[in-house]
Protein backbone atom coordinates (compact mmCIF):
# COMPACT_ATOMS: atom_id res chain seq x y z
CA MET A 1 11.75 30.30 22.83
CA SER A 2 8.03 31.05 22.15
CA THR A 3 5.59 28.17 22.51
CA ASP A 4 3.87 29.35 19.41
CA THR A 5 7.01 28.82 17.20
CA ASN A 6 6.80 25.96 14.84
CA ILE A 7 9.67 23.45 15.57
CA GLN A 8 10.42 20.33 13.73
CA LEU A 9 10.29 17.26 16.30
CA ASP A 10 12.85 14.62 16.50
CA TYR A 11 11.99 10.82 16.40
CA SER A 12 12.08 10.53 20.17
CA SER A 13 9.35 13.20 20.76
CA HIS A 14 7.08 11.46 18.15
CA ARG A 15 3.91 9.97 20.04
CA ARG A 16 3.30 6.49 18.31
CA ASN A 17 -0.27 5.47 17.50
CA THR A 18 -1.06 1.86 17.79
CA LEU A 19 -4.07 1.95 15.65
CA LYS A 20 -4.12 -0.70 13.07
CA HIS A 21 -6.58 -1.04 10.32
CA HIS A 22 -7.86 -4.19 8.77
CA VAL A 23 -6.05 -3.31 5.69
CA SER A 24 -3.44 -5.47 4.08
CA VAL A 25 -1.16 -4.49 1.16
CA VAL A 26 -0.35 -6.85 -1.60
CA LEU A 27 2.49 -6.06 -4.12
CA ASP A 28 2.20 -7.89 -7.34
CA GLY A 29 5.47 -7.98 -9.08
CA VAL A 30 6.83 -4.93 -7.45
CA SER A 31 10.54 -5.47 -7.76
CA GLN A 32 12.62 -2.34 -6.95
CA SER A 33 14.03 -2.39 -3.56
CA ALA A 34 13.57 1.46 -3.10
CA ASN A 35 9.70 1.01 -4.03
CA VAL A 36 9.33 -2.07 -1.61
CA GLY A 37 11.10 -0.24 1.19
CA GLY A 38 9.01 3.12 0.65
CA ILE A 39 5.70 1.20 0.52
CA ILE A 40 6.49 -0.64 3.94
CA ARG A 41 7.29 2.89 5.44
CA THR A 42 4.11 4.15 3.98
CA ALA A 43 2.10 1.12 5.39
CA ASP A 44 3.55 1.51 8.74
CA ALA A 45 2.61 5.17 8.88
CA LEU A 46 -0.98 4.45 7.80
CA GLY A 47 -1.70 1.58 10.20
CA VAL A 48 -1.57 -1.42 7.81
CA GLU A 49 -1.95 -4.90 9.51
CA LYS A 50 0.13 -6.99 6.95
CA ILE A 51 2.15 -6.74 3.69
CA TYR A 52 2.44 -9.49 1.06
CA VAL A 53 5.36 -9.04 -1.45
CA SER A 54 5.48 -11.38 -4.52
CA THR A 55 9.33 -10.68 -4.93
CA GLN A 56 11.69 -12.91 -2.94
CA HIS A 57 13.30 -11.21 -0.11
CA ASN A 58 16.84 -12.12 -1.26
CA GLN A 59 16.09 -10.74 -4.74
CA LEU A 60 16.05 -7.16 -3.06
CA SER A 61 18.99 -5.11 -2.00
CA ALA A 62 18.98 -5.40 1.89
CA THR A 63 20.73 -2.11 2.08
CA ILE A 64 18.28 -0.17 -0.06
CA LEU A 65 15.36 -1.83 1.62
CA LYS A 66 16.57 -1.03 5.08
CA LYS A 67 17.28 2.54 4.12
CA THR A 68 14.13 3.26 2.34
CA SER A 69 11.88 1.56 5.01
CA ARG A 70 13.92 3.58 7.71
CA GLY A 71 14.42 0.28 9.57
CA LEU A 72 10.97 -0.80 9.43
CA ILE A 73 11.33 -4.12 7.99
CA GLY A 74 9.98 -6.74 10.50
CA LYS A 75 7.98 -4.14 12.27
CA ILE A 76 4.89 -4.80 10.17
CA PRO A 77 4.05 -8.52 9.55
CA SER A 78 5.22 -9.27 5.99
CA GLU A 79 5.48 -12.16 3.70
CA PHE A 80 7.99 -12.19 0.65
CA GLY A 81 8.02 -14.54 -2.33
CA CYS A 82 4.17 -14.89 -2.19
CA ASP A 83 2.16 -16.30 -4.98
CA THR A 84 -0.10 -13.13 -5.60
CA LEU A 85 -3.06 -15.01 -7.05
CA ALA A 86 -3.09 -17.50 -3.99
CA VAL A 87 -2.80 -14.61 -1.55
CA VAL A 88 -5.80 -12.81 -3.18
CA LYS A 89 -7.92 -15.93 -3.04
CA HIS A 90 -7.05 -16.54 0.57
CA LEU A 91 -8.01 -12.88 1.48
CA LYS A 92 -11.10 -13.16 -0.41
CA ALA A 93 -11.84 -16.24 1.58
CA GLU A 94 -11.12 -14.42 4.79
CA ALA A 95 -13.87 -11.70 3.72
CA TYR A 96 -11.42 -9.01 2.57
CA THR A 97 -12.71 -6.61 -0.20
CA ILE A 98 -10.02 -6.69 -2.87
CA VAL A 99 -9.19 -3.28 -4.18
CA ALA A 100 -6.75 -2.82 -7.01
CA VAL A 101 -4.96 0.51 -7.84
CA GLU A 102 -5.01 0.37 -11.67
CA ILE A 103 -6.44 2.52 -14.42
CA THR A 104 -9.08 0.15 -16.29
CA ASN A 105 -12.34 0.39 -18.31
CA LYS A 106 -14.21 -0.33 -14.81
CA SER A 107 -11.96 1.86 -12.48
CA LYS A 108 -13.40 4.61 -10.29
CA GLU A 109 -11.35 7.67 -9.07
CA VAL A 110 -10.12 6.78 -5.71
CA SER A 111 -11.40 9.71 -3.92
CA LEU A 112 -14.81 9.24 -5.02
CA ILE A 113 -15.16 5.71 -3.51
CA ASP A 114 -16.47 5.33 0.04
CA PHE A 115 -14.54 2.74 1.61
CA SER A 116 -16.23 3.02 5.15
CA PRO A 117 -18.60 0.01 4.58
CA TYR A 118 -15.70 -2.39 4.00
CA HIS A 119 -14.41 -3.89 7.21
CA ARG A 120 -11.32 -5.64 5.77
CA ILE A 121 -9.56 -4.46 2.71
CA ALA A 122 -6.65 -5.81 0.75
CA LEU A 123 -4.98 -3.11 -1.44
CA ILE A 124 -3.25 -4.19 -4.57
CA VAL A 125 -0.53 -2.34 -6.61
CA GLY A 126 1.46 -3.88 -9.38
CA ALA A 127 4.85 -3.99 -11.05
CA GLU A 128 6.72 -0.67 -11.89
CA ASP A 129 6.56 -1.56 -15.63
CA GLY A 130 3.44 -3.61 -16.30
CA GLY A 131 0.93 -2.86 -13.33
CA ILE A 132 -1.24 -5.49 -11.94
CA SER A 133 -1.33 -8.84 -13.85
CA PRO A 134 -4.46 -9.75 -15.83
CA GLU A 135 -5.41 -12.64 -13.58
CA ILE A 136 -5.30 -10.78 -10.47
CA LEU A 137 -7.42 -7.87 -12.00
CA GLN A 138 -10.12 -10.63 -12.70
CA GLU A 139 -10.24 -11.22 -8.86
CA VAL A 140 -10.73 -7.69 -7.68
CA ASP A 141 -13.93 -6.31 -6.30
CA ILE A 142 -12.99 -2.71 -6.67
CA THR A 143 -10.65 -0.97 -9.11
CA ALA A 144 -9.48 2.47 -8.15
CA HIS A 145 -7.38 4.87 -10.15
CA ILE A 146 -5.91 8.25 -9.34
CA ASN A 147 -7.07 11.22 -11.39
CA MET A 148 -3.95 12.51 -13.10
CA LEU A 149 -3.95 16.16 -14.20
CA GLY A 150 -0.58 16.34 -15.95
CA TYR A 151 0.83 14.82 -19.15
CA GLY A 152 2.08 11.55 -17.51
CA SER A 153 -0.09 8.35 -17.69
CA SER A 154 1.17 6.73 -14.58
CA MET A 155 3.07 7.49 -11.22
CA ASN A 156 5.44 5.81 -9.04
CA VAL A 157 3.93 2.72 -7.57
CA GLY A 158 4.81 3.61 -3.92
CA VAL A 159 3.31 7.13 -4.40
CA ALA A 160 0.05 5.56 -5.86
CA LEU A 161 -0.23 3.20 -3.01
CA GLY A 162 0.29 6.22 -0.60
CA ILE A 163 -2.53 8.17 -2.17
CA ALA A 164 -5.03 5.33 -2.22
CA LEU A 165 -4.06 3.96 1.06
CA TYR A 166 -4.54 7.49 2.72
CA HIS A 167 -7.98 7.81 1.02
CA ILE A 168 -8.99 4.41 2.58
CA THR A 169 -7.66 4.83 6.08
CA GLN A 170 -9.39 8.33 6.24
CA ASP A 171 -12.84 6.63 5.23
CA LEU A 172 -12.11 3.83 7.73
CA GLN A 173 -11.48 6.24 10.60
CA SER A 174 -14.72 8.32 9.92
């Protein structure tokens, strides 16, 4: 086999990177097990330090959560059943910049925001059907949205988090 052939690697040949960013993820009302699991998987891939989930662990399907997270439950520090407002206020007191992914009258397109000056970031996404609650939006420092080119007015919460988190972590690495 030629060394210039492009071959898919299996998990055992994947080199793990232990880089962690000072980025925490806060899920405000995200309640679908597949979304929570996918977000855990994305957060692991992008070096998130902690995940806060407002939904109680026992309200999520353990089977779906395990499958969609690819067994990463417990690999990233996580808290389930959190009071989102209390978490946001705690993170603000710990000098985190609070970033919401939501379309608002004050939001800026995520790819146009320079996140490099911020040393600690808490990234918040909201419920599948209603977004981030109004009381949480009042606490954020930055509101970011993803420019949508199609007919839809929203995207899956896990996809939105992944796009925003990728932009943030790329800025923090530069």
